[in-house]
PDB file of all heavy atoms in Angstrom:
ATOM      1  N   PHE A   1       4.109   7.185   5.570  1.00  0.00           N
ATOM      2  CA  PHE A   1       4.851   5.982   5.953  1.00  0.00           C
ATOM      3  C   PHE A   1       5.834   5.567   4.854  1.00  0.00           C
ATOM      4  O   PHE A   1       6.929   5.069   5.139  1.00  0.00           O
ATOM      5  CB  PHE A   1       3.885   4.837   6.248  1.00  0.00           C
ATOM      6  CG  PHE A   1       3.064   5.048   7.496  1.00  0.00           C
ATOM      7  CD1 PHE A   1       1.976   4.227   7.748  1.00  0.00           C
ATOM      8  CD2 PHE A   1       3.356   6.041   8.405  1.00  0.00           C
ATOM      9  CE1 PHE A   1       1.199   4.393   8.896  1.00  0.00           C
ATOM     10  CE2 PHE A   1       2.601   6.229   9.553  1.00  0.00           C
ATOM     11  CZ  PHE A   1       1.524   5.404   9.793  1.00  0.00           C
ATOM     12  N   LYS A   2       5.427   5.773   3.611  1.00  0.00           N
ATOM     13  CA  LYS A   2       6.327   5.402   2.507  1.00  0.00           C
ATOM     14  C   LYS A   2       7.584   6.252   2.507  1.00  0.00           C
ATOM     15  O   LYS A   2       8.682   5.784   2.221  1.00  0.00           O
ATOM     16  CB  LYS A   2       5.589   5.530   1.176  1.00  0.00           C
ATOM     17  CG  LYS A   2       6.270   4.786   0.042  1.00  0.00           C
ATOM     18  CD  LYS A   2       5.359   4.693  -1.167  1.00  0.00           C
ATOM     19  CE  LYS A   2       5.993   3.864  -2.269  1.00  0.00           C
ATOM     20  NZ  LYS A   2       5.120   3.751  -3.464  1.00  0.00           N
ATOM     21  N   GLU A   3       7.419   7.526   2.880  1.00  0.00           N
ATOM     22  CA  GLU A   3       8.575   8.426   2.955  1.00  0.00           C
ATOM     23  C   GLU A   3       9.518   8.004   4.081  1.00  0.00           C
ATOM     24  O   GLU A   3      10.743   7.995   3.912  1.00  0.00           O
ATOM     25  CB  GLU A   3       8.091   9.865   3.203  1.00  0.00           C
ATOM     26  CG  GLU A   3       9.200  10.874   3.417  1.00  0.00           C
ATOM     27  CD  GLU A   3      10.068  11.117   2.187  1.00  0.00           C
ATOM     28  OE1 GLU A   3       9.613  10.821   1.051  1.00  0.00           O
ATOM     29  OE2 GLU A   3      11.217  11.593   2.376  1.00  0.00           O
ATOM     30  N   LYS A   4       8.957   7.650   5.230  1.00  0.00           N
ATOM     31  CA  LYS A   4       9.809   7.297   6.375  1.00  0.00           C
ATOM     32  C   LYS A   4      10.355   5.888   6.293  1.00  0.00           C
ATOM     33  O   LYS A   4      11.535   5.662   6.548  1.00  0.00           O
ATOM     34  CB  LYS A   4       9.031   7.454   7.690  1.00  0.00           C
ATOM     35  CG  LYS A   4       9.813   7.006   8.913  1.00  0.00           C
ATOM     36  CD  LYS A   4       9.187   7.368  10.210  1.00  0.00           C
ATOM     37  CE  LYS A   4       9.839   6.678  11.396  1.00  0.00           C
ATOM     38  NZ  LYS A   4      11.297   6.884  11.457  1.00  0.00           N
ATOM     39  N   TYR A   5       9.510   4.931   5.934  1.00  0.00           N
ATOM     40  CA  TYR A   5       9.919   3.519   6.023  1.00  0.00           C
ATOM     41  C   TYR A   5      10.304   2.925   4.660  1.00  0.00           C
ATOM     42  O   TYR A   5      10.753   1.775   4.616  1.00  0.00           O
ATOM     43  CB  TYR A   5       8.801   2.686   6.643  1.00  0.00           C
ATOM     44  CG  TYR A   5       8.411   3.184   8.032  1.00  0.00           C
ATOM     45  CD1 TYR A   5       7.260   3.929   8.207  1.00  0.00           C
ATOM     46  CD2 TYR A   5       9.226   2.936   9.134  1.00  0.00           C
ATOM     47  CE1 TYR A   5       6.890   4.394   9.472  1.00  0.00           C
ATOM     48  CE2 TYR A   5       8.872   3.414  10.389  1.00  0.00           C
ATOM     49  CZ  TYR A   5       7.700   4.147  10.537  1.00  0.00           C
ATOM     50  OH  TYR A   5       7.369   4.633  11.773  1.00  0.00           O
ATOM     51  N   LYS A   6      10.070   3.684   3.602  1.00  0.00           N
ATOM     52  CA  LYS A   6      10.418   3.260   2.241  1.00  0.00           C
ATOM     53  C   LYS A   6       9.646   2.025   1.789  1.00  0.00           C
ATOM     54  O   LYS A   6      10.045   1.330   0.862  1.00  0.00           O
ATOM     55  CB  LYS A   6      11.933   2.988   2.096  1.00  0.00           C
ATOM     56  CG  LYS A   6      12.817   4.100   2.643  1.00  0.00           C
ATOM     57  CD  LYS A   6      12.489   5.457   2.052  1.00  0.00           C
ATOM     58  CE  LYS A   6      13.354   6.557   2.646  1.00  0.00           C
ATOM     59  NZ  LYS A   6      12.932   7.914   2.224  1.00  0.00           N
ATOM     60  N   ILE A   7       8.534   1.761   2.456  1.00  0.00           N
ATOM     61  CA  ILE A   7       7.647   0.639   2.111  1.00  0.00           C
ATOM     62  C   ILE A   7       6.231   1.148   2.186  1.00  0.00           C
ATOM     63  O   ILE A   7       5.881   1.925   3.077  1.00  0.00           O
ATOM     64  CB  ILE A   7       7.817  -0.543   3.116  1.00  0.00           C
ATOM     65  CG1 ILE A   7       9.263  -1.024   3.137  1.00  0.00           C
ATOM     66  CG2 ILE A   7       6.879  -1.691   2.753  1.00  0.00           C
ATOM     67  CD1 ILE A   7       9.536  -2.064   4.217  1.00  0.00           C
ATOM     68  N   GLY A   8       5.386   0.708   1.243  1.00  0.00           N
ATOM     69  CA  GLY A   8       4.007   1.162   1.239  1.00  0.00           C
ATOM     70  C   GLY A   8       3.070   0.279   2.038  1.00  0.00           C
ATOM     71  O   GLY A   8       2.154   0.782   2.703  1.00  0.00           O
ATOM     72  N   ALA A   9       3.271  -1.034   1.991  1.00  0.00           N
ATOM     73  CA  ALA A   9       2.333  -1.960   2.629  1.00  0.00           C
ATOM     74  C   ALA A   9       2.503  -1.930   4.140  1.00  0.00           C
ATOM     75  O   ALA A   9       3.599  -2.156   4.670  1.00  0.00           O
ATOM     76  CB  ALA A   9       2.559  -3.374   2.103  1.00  0.00           C
ATOM     77  N   LEU A  10       1.398  -1.683   4.848  1.00  0.00           N
ATOM     78  CA  LEU A  10       1.443  -1.608   6.299  1.00  0.00           C
ATOM     79  C   LEU A  10       1.929  -2.930   6.909  1.00  0.00           C
ATOM     80  O   LEU A  10       2.717  -2.947   7.865  1.00  0.00           O
ATOM     81  CB  LEU A  10       0.062  -1.254   6.846  1.00  0.00           C
ATOM     82  CG  LEU A  10      -0.050  -0.909   8.327  1.00  0.00           C
ATOM     83  CD1 LEU A  10       0.780   0.328   8.661  1.00  0.00           C
ATOM     84  CD2 LEU A  10      -1.514  -0.686   8.717  1.00  0.00           C
ATOM     85  N   SER A  11       1.486  -4.046   6.348  1.00  0.00           N
ATOM     86  CA  SER A  11       1.872  -5.357   6.890  1.00  0.00           C
ATOM     87  C   SER A  11       3.371  -5.589   6.777  1.00  0.00           C
ATOM     88  O   SER A  11       3.967  -6.262   7.626  1.00  0.00           O
ATOM     89  CB  SER A  11       1.101  -6.466   6.146  1.00  0.00           C
ATOM     90  OG  SER A  11       1.391  -6.438   4.759  1.00  0.00           O
ATOM     91  N   LYS A  12       4.005  -5.019   5.745  1.00  0.00           N
ATOM     92  CA  LYS A  12       5.447  -5.194   5.578  1.00  0.00           C
ATOM     93  C   LYS A  12       6.232  -4.265   6.498  1.00  0.00           C
ATOM     94  O   LYS A  12       7.367  -4.569   6.889  1.00  0.00           O
ATOM     95  CB  LYS A  12       5.832  -4.974   4.117  1.00  0.00           C
ATOM     96  CG  LYS A  12       5.315  -6.064   3.185  1.00  0.00           C
ATOM     97  CD  LYS A  12       5.776  -5.854   1.760  1.00  0.00           C
ATOM     98  CE  LYS A  12       5.264  -6.975   0.856  1.00  0.00           C
ATOM     99  NZ  LYS A  12       5.684  -6.789  -0.565  1.00  0.00           N
ATOM    100  N   ILE A  13       5.638  -3.112   6.835  1.00  0.00           N
ATOM    101  CA  ILE A  13       6.304  -2.210   7.772  1.00  0.00           C
ATOM    102  C   ILE A  13       6.312  -2.829   9.171  1.00  0.00           C
ATOM    103  O   ILE A  13       7.325  -2.807   9.871  1.00  0.00           O
ATOM    104  CB  ILE A  13       5.592  -0.831   7.809  1.00  0.00           C
ATOM    105  CG1 ILE A  13       5.664  -0.139   6.442  1.00  0.00           C
ATOM    106  CG2 ILE A  13       6.232   0.080   8.879  1.00  0.00           C
ATOM    107  CD1 ILE A  13       4.824   1.121   6.347  1.00  0.00           C
ATOM    108  N   THR A  14       5.176  -3.377   9.585  1.00  0.00           N
ATOM    109  CA  THR A  14       5.037  -3.852  10.960  1.00  0.00           C
ATOM    110  C   THR A  14       5.497  -5.288  11.159  1.00  0.00           C
ATOM    111  O   THR A  14       5.910  -5.666  12.249  1.00  0.00           O
ATOM    112  CB  THR A  14       3.569  -3.769  11.393  1.00  0.00           C
ATOM    113  OG1 THR A  14       2.765  -4.635  10.584  1.00  0.00           O
ATOM    114  CG2 THR A  14       3.048  -2.334  11.247  1.00  0.00           C
ATOM    115  N   ASN A  15       5.377  -6.123  10.118  1.00  0.00           N
ATOM    116  CA  ASN A  15       5.640  -7.547  10.232  1.00  0.00           C
ATOM    117  C   ASN A  15       4.835  -8.170  11.372  1.00  0.00           C
ATOM    118  O   ASN A  15       5.266  -9.129  12.016  1.00  0.00           O
ATOM    119  CB  ASN A  15       7.141  -7.820  10.459  1.00  0.00           C
ATOM    120  CG  ASN A  15       7.954  -7.597   9.206  1.00  0.00           C
ATOM    121  OD1 ASN A  15       7.552  -7.988   8.119  1.00  0.00           O
ATOM    122  ND2 ASN A  15       9.082  -6.926   9.336  1.00  0.00           N
ATOM    123  N   SER A  16       3.662  -7.614  11.616  1.00  0.00           N
ATOM    124  CA  SER A  16       2.837  -8.090  12.729  1.00  0.00           C
ATOM    125  C   SER A  16       2.157  -9.416  12.341  1.00  0.00           C
ATOM    126  O   SER A  16       1.676  -9.571  11.218  1.00  0.00           O
ATOM    127  CB  SER A  16       1.769  -7.062  13.080  1.00  0.00           C
ATOM    128  OG  SER A  16       0.829  -7.588  14.000  1.00  0.00           O
ATOM    129  N   GLU A  17       2.111 -10.325  13.299  1.00  0.00           N
ATOM    130  CA  GLU A  17       1.396 -11.587  13.042  1.00  0.00           C
ATOM    131  C   GLU A  17      -0.114 -11.352  12.982  1.00  0.00           C
ATOM    132  O   GLU A  17      -0.855 -12.233  12.553  1.00  0.00           O
ATOM    133  CB  GLU A  17       1.722 -12.598  14.140  1.00  0.00           C
ATOM    134  CG  GLU A  17       1.280 -12.177  15.534  1.00  0.00           C
ATOM    135  CD  GLU A  17       1.662 -13.179  16.602  1.00  0.00           C
ATOM    136  OE1 GLU A  17       2.498 -14.065  16.323  1.00  0.00           O
ATOM    137  OE2 GLU A  17       1.117 -13.076  17.709  1.00  0.00           O
ATOM    138  N   ASN A  18      -0.551 -10.170  13.417  1.00  0.00           N
ATOM    139  CA  ASN A  18      -1.972  -9.832  13.365  1.00  0.00           C
ATOM    140  C   ASN A  18      -2.316  -8.910  12.210  1.00  0.00           C
ATOM    141  O   ASN A  18      -3.383  -8.292  12.198  1.00  0.00           O
ATOM    142  CB  ASN A  18      -2.414  -9.179  14.686  1.00  0.00           C
ATOM    143  CG  ASN A  18      -2.318 -10.126  15.857  1.00  0.00           C
ATOM    144  OD1 ASN A  18      -2.618 -11.319  15.716  1.00  0.00           O
ATOM    145  ND2 ASN A  18      -1.889  -9.620  17.004  1.00  0.00           N
ATOM    146  N   ALA A  19      -1.408  -8.764  11.236  1.00  0.00           N
ATOM    147  CA  ALA A  19      -1.714  -7.949  10.069  1.00  0.00           C
ATOM    148  C   ALA A  19      -2.991  -8.445   9.401  1.00  0.00           C
ATOM    149  O   ALA A  19      -3.267  -9.646   9.390  1.00  0.00           O
ATOM    150  CB  ALA A  19      -0.546  -7.992   9.086  1.00  0.00           C
ATOM    151  N   HIS A  20      -3.746  -7.518   8.841  1.00  0.00           N
ATOM    152  CA  HIS A  20      -5.051  -7.801   8.240  1.00  0.00           C
ATOM    153  C   HIS A  20      -6.114  -8.153   9.288  1.00  0.00           C
ATOM    154  O   HIS A  20      -7.139  -8.741   8.942  1.00  0.00           O
ATOM    155  CB  HIS A  20      -4.954  -8.871   7.159  1.00  0.00           C
ATOM    156  CG  HIS A  20      -4.003  -8.511   6.059  1.00  0.00           C
ATOM    157  ND1 HIS A  20      -4.218  -7.452   5.213  1.00  0.00           N
ATOM    158  CD2 HIS A  20      -2.827  -9.052   5.676  1.00  0.00           C
ATOM    159  CE1 HIS A  20      -3.220  -7.359   4.344  1.00  0.00           C
ATOM    160  NE2 HIS A  20      -2.361  -8.329   4.606  1.00  0.00           N
ATOM    161  N   MET A  21      -5.835  -7.802  10.524  1.00  0.00           N
ATOM    162  CA  MET A  21      -6.878  -7.725  11.539  1.00  0.00           C
ATOM    163  C   MET A  21      -7.101  -6.237  11.744  1.00  0.00           C
ATOM    164  O   MET A  21      -6.173  -5.487  12.073  1.00  0.00           O
ATOM    165  CB  MET A  21      -6.447  -8.419  12.832  1.00  0.00           C
ATOM    166  CG  MET A  21      -6.395  -9.929  12.706  1.00  0.00           C
ATOM    167  SD  MET A  21      -5.673 -10.747  14.164  1.00  0.00           S
ATOM    168  CE  MET A  21      -6.766 -10.233  15.471  1.00  0.00           C
ATOM    169  N   ALA A  22      -8.326  -5.763  11.530  1.00  0.00           N
ATOM    170  CA  ALA A  22      -8.586  -4.335  11.434  1.00  0.00           C
ATOM    171  C   ALA A  22      -8.104  -3.568  12.666  1.00  0.00           C
ATOM    172  O   ALA A  22      -7.535  -2.484  12.543  1.00  0.00           O
ATOM    173  CB  ALA A  22     -10.070  -4.091  11.192  1.00  0.00           C
ATOM    174  N   PHE A  23      -8.354  -4.120  13.844  1.00  0.00           N
ATOM    175  CA  PHE A  23      -7.965  -3.408  15.051  1.00  0.00           C
ATOM    176  C   PHE A  23      -6.448  -3.286  15.157  1.00  0.00           C
ATOM    177  O   PHE A  23      -5.928  -2.208  15.495  1.00  0.00           O
ATOM    178  CB  PHE A  23      -8.530  -4.108  16.289  1.00  0.00           C
ATOM    179  CG  PHE A  23      -8.280  -3.363  17.571  1.00  0.00           C
ATOM    180  CD1 PHE A  23      -9.095  -2.315  17.949  1.00  0.00           C
ATOM    181  CD2 PHE A  23      -7.219  -3.703  18.391  1.00  0.00           C
ATOM    182  CE1 PHE A  23      -8.851  -1.606  19.121  1.00  0.00           C
ATOM    183  CE2 PHE A  23      -6.980  -3.018  19.565  1.00  0.00           C
ATOM    184  CZ  PHE A  23      -7.802  -1.961  19.928  1.00  0.00           C
ATOM    185  N   ASP A  24      -5.743  -4.350  14.887  1.00  0.00           N
ATOM    186  CA  ASP A  24      -4.287  -4.321  14.966  1.00  0.00           C
ATOM    187  C   ASP A  24      -3.717  -3.310  13.980  1.00  0.00           C
ATOM    188  O   ASP A  24      -2.745  -2.603  14.279  1.00  0.00           O
ATOM    189  CB  ASP A  24      -3.708  -5.699  14.686  1.00  0.00           C
ATOM    190  CG  ASP A  24      -2.204  -5.764  14.922  1.00  0.00           C
ATOM    191  OD1 ASP A  24      -1.800  -5.750  16.088  1.00  0.00           O
ATOM    192  OD2 ASP A  24      -1.447  -5.786  13.951  1.00  0.00           O
ATOM    193  N   ASP A  25      -4.326  -3.206  12.804  1.00  0.00           N
ATOM    194  CA  ASP A  25      -3.860  -2.224  11.819  1.00  0.00           C
ATOM    195  C   ASP A  25      -4.073  -0.805  12.336  1.00  0.00           C
ATOM    196  O   ASP A  25      -3.239   0.081  12.096  1.00  0.00           O
ATOM    197  CB  ASP A  25      -4.583  -2.415  10.482  1.00  0.00           C
ATOM    198  CG  ASP A  25      -4.102  -3.666   9.736  1.00  0.00           C
ATOM    199  OD1 ASP A  25      -3.052  -4.227  10.128  1.00  0.00           O
ATOM    200  OD2 ASP A  25      -4.747  -4.064   8.756  1.00  0.00           O
ATOM    201  N   CYS A  26      -5.167  -0.554  13.043  1.00  0.00           N
ATOM    202  CA  CYS A  26      -5.393   0.761  13.633  1.00  0.00           C
ATOM    203  C   CYS A  26      -4.322   1.078  14.678  1.00  0.00           C
ATOM    204  O   CYS A  26      -3.763   2.180  14.711  1.00  0.00           O
ATOM    205  CB  CYS A  26      -6.770   0.851  14.275  1.00  0.00           C
ATOM    206  SG  CYS A  26      -8.145   0.952  13.119  1.00  0.00           S
ATOM    207  N   VAL A  27      -4.031   0.107  15.533  1.00  0.00           N
ATOM    208  CA  VAL A  27      -3.000   0.294  16.558  1.00  0.00           C
ATOM    209  C   VAL A  27      -1.652   0.573  15.901  1.00  0.00           C
ATOM    210  O   VAL A  27      -0.907   1.476  16.330  1.00  0.00           O
ATOM    211  CB  VAL A  27      -2.908  -0.956  17.469  1.00  0.00           C
ATOM    212  CG1 VAL A  27      -1.726  -0.824  18.437  1.00  0.00           C
ATOM    213  CG2 VAL A  27      -4.214  -1.147  18.236  1.00  0.00           C
TER     214      VAL A  27
END
């Protein structure tokens, strides 16, 4: 993901309001 999106943190890639909810992170 860091290679493609140039960001390491999953929450910053997705900007999801459900970040740090385990299921949403899997999705």
